[in-house]
Amino acid sequence: MLYSLVQTSVANNLEPFDYLKYLLTELPRLGRHYEPDALDQFLPWNLIEKIKPLK
């Protein structure tokens, strides 16, 4: 699963380390009870402006 996250970030031209760091810091803030649609904000194509691109 981790490899899939890394490759998806690369495919979307995002720095993998920064993408994983963002996920691991922001996902816990959703708490235990969240709407499934809340996860859409963490998809790599929705984070292009928040995470630096690959060089």
Protein backbone atom coordinates (compact mmCIF):
# COMPACT_ATOMS: atom_id res chain seq x y z
CA MET A 1 0.00 0.00 0.00
CA LEU A 2 2.86 2.36 0.80
CA TYR A 3 4.42 1.75 -2.61
CA SER A 4 1.09 2.57 -4.24
CA LEU A 5 0.90 5.90 -2.37
CA VAL A 6 4.45 6.79 -3.40
CA GLN A 7 3.89 5.92 -7.05
CA THR A 8 0.60 7.80 -7.16
CA SER A 9 2.31 10.90 -5.82
CA VAL A 10 5.06 10.56 -8.44
CA ALA A 11 2.46 10.09 -11.18
CA ASN A 12 0.88 13.37 -10.05
CA ASN A 13 4.26 15.14 -9.95
CA LEU A 14 4.32 15.49 -6.14
CA GLU A 15 7.32 14.95 -3.90
CA PRO A 16 6.58 11.53 -2.30
CA PHE A 17 8.10 12.33 1.10
CA ASP A 18 6.10 15.55 1.40
CA TYR A 19 2.91 13.79 0.31
CA LEU A 20 3.32 11.02 2.88
CA LYS A 21 4.22 13.53 5.57
CA TYR A 22 1.11 15.53 4.76
CA LEU A 23 -1.10 12.43 4.87
CA LEU A 24 0.34 11.19 8.15
CA THR A 25 -0.10 14.55 9.85
CA GLU A 26 -3.47 15.58 8.44
CA LEU A 27 -5.44 12.32 8.27
CA PRO A 28 -5.50 11.81 12.06
CA ARG A 29 -7.17 15.21 12.40
CA LEU A 30 -10.29 13.80 10.78
CA GLY A 31 -10.97 11.80 13.90
CA ARG A 32 -12.72 8.47 14.13
CA HIS A 33 -16.04 9.48 12.65
CA TYR A 34 -15.87 11.19 9.28
CA GLU A 35 -17.76 11.14 6.04
CA PRO A 36 -16.11 9.06 3.29
CA ASP A 37 -16.19 12.13 1.03
CA ALA A 38 -13.81 13.85 3.46
CA LEU A 39 -11.00 11.68 2.10
CA ASP A 40 -11.24 13.30 -1.34
CA GLN A 41 -9.25 16.27 -0.08
CA PHE A 42 -6.25 13.98 0.45
CA LEU A 43 -6.06 12.66 -3.11
CA PRO A 44 -2.82 13.76 -4.78
CA TRP A 45 -4.50 15.64 -7.62
CA ASN A 46 -6.29 17.77 -5.01
CA LEU A 47 -3.03 18.67 -3.27
CA ILE A 48 -1.02 20.06 -6.16
CA GLU A 49 -1.01 23.55 -4.65
CA LYS A 50 -0.15 22.38 -1.10
CA ILE A 51 2.77 20.03 -1.81
CA LYS A 52 5.90 20.90 -3.74
CA PRO A 53 6.33 19.27 -7.15
CA LEU A 54 9.07 16.85 -8.12
CA LYS A 55 12.21 18.43 -9.49
